[in-house]
């Protein structure tokens, strides 16, 4: 049996772990900026437009999910 490990938010320790741990990298600064814009719009009486914003993500593949690297 084989298992792969994948983290979330691509914290620094993921890259220096042995083996390196794959991770989903989220764009936290952009998420915060969008949240503040939406909050500002709500406070001034206009609703957020659009109400759902996709800021995307990146998949950082490291040895924890790379069969050839093991």
Protein backbone atom coordinates (compact mmCIF):
# COMPACT_ATOMS: atom_id res chain seq x y z
CA UNK A 1 0.00 0.00 0.00
CA UNK A 2 1.11 3.54 -0.70
CA UNK A 3 -0.02 6.84 0.74
CA UNK A 4 0.73 10.44 -0.20
CA UNK A 5 0.66 13.37 2.21
CA UNK A 6 -0.44 16.85 1.20
CA UNK A 7 -0.66 19.94 3.40
CA UNK A 8 -2.51 23.23 3.09
CA UNK A 9 -1.23 26.85 2.94
CA UNK A 10 2.33 25.82 1.93
CA UNK A 11 3.92 26.74 5.25
CA UNK A 12 7.74 27.02 5.23
CA UNK A 13 8.16 23.81 7.22
CA UNK A 14 6.57 21.85 4.35
CA UNK A 15 9.58 22.52 2.11
CA UNK A 16 12.21 21.69 4.74
CA UNK A 17 10.56 18.50 6.03
CA UNK A 18 12.20 15.24 5.02
CA UNK A 19 10.67 14.23 2.70
CA UNK A 20 9.33 17.59 1.50
CA UNK A 21 5.54 17.71 1.92
CA UNK A 22 3.35 18.65 -1.04
CA UNK A 23 0.94 21.47 -0.31
CA UNK A 24 -1.88 23.59 -1.66
CA UNK A 25 -0.63 27.19 -1.70
CA UNK A 26 -3.43 29.68 -1.10
CA UNK A 27 -3.15 33.38 -1.91
CA UNK A 28 -3.80 34.62 1.62
CA UNK A 29 -2.89 38.28 0.98
CA UNK A 30 -5.30 38.45 -1.97
CA UNK A 31 -8.01 36.72 0.11
CA UNK A 32 -7.58 39.33 2.86
CA UNK A 33 -7.64 42.21 0.40
CA UNK A 34 -10.84 40.92 -1.23
CA UNK A 35 -12.44 40.38 2.19
CA UNK A 36 -11.68 43.98 3.20
CA UNK A 37 -13.09 45.30 -0.08
CA UNK A 38 -16.27 43.27 0.47
CA UNK A 39 -16.54 44.50 4.07
CA UNK A 40 -16.04 48.11 2.95
CA UNK A 41 -18.78 47.67 0.33
CA UNK A 42 -21.13 46.24 2.96
CA UNK A 43 -20.42 49.11 5.37
CA UNK A 44 -21.13 51.75 2.70
CA UNK A 45 -24.44 50.12 1.83
CA UNK A 46 -23.57 48.43 -1.43
CA UNK A 47 -23.42 44.68 -1.57
CA UNK A 48 -20.33 42.86 -2.71
CA UNK A 49 -20.28 42.24 -6.44
CA UNK A 50 -19.70 39.43 -7.17
CA UNK A 51 -20.50 37.70 -3.88
CA UNK A 52 -18.09 34.84 -4.67
CA UNK A 53 -14.53 35.57 -5.77
CA UNK A 54 -12.15 32.82 -6.87
CA UNK A 55 -8.58 33.88 -6.11
CA UNK A 56 -7.22 30.51 -7.20
CA UNK A 57 -4.50 28.37 -5.68
CA UNK A 58 -1.25 26.67 -6.65
CA UNK A 59 -0.36 23.03 -6.08
CA UNK A 60 3.22 22.67 -4.84
CA UNK A 61 4.31 19.08 -5.51
CA UNK A 62 7.12 17.72 -3.36
CA UNK A 63 8.45 14.28 -2.47
CA UNK A 64 5.51 13.30 -0.19
CA UNK A 65 3.34 12.75 -3.28
CA UNK A 66 6.03 11.95 -5.84
CA UNK A 67 6.36 8.20 -6.24
CA UNK A 68 9.62 8.46 -8.25
CA UNK A 69 11.33 10.53 -5.55
CA UNK A 70 10.89 7.90 -2.82
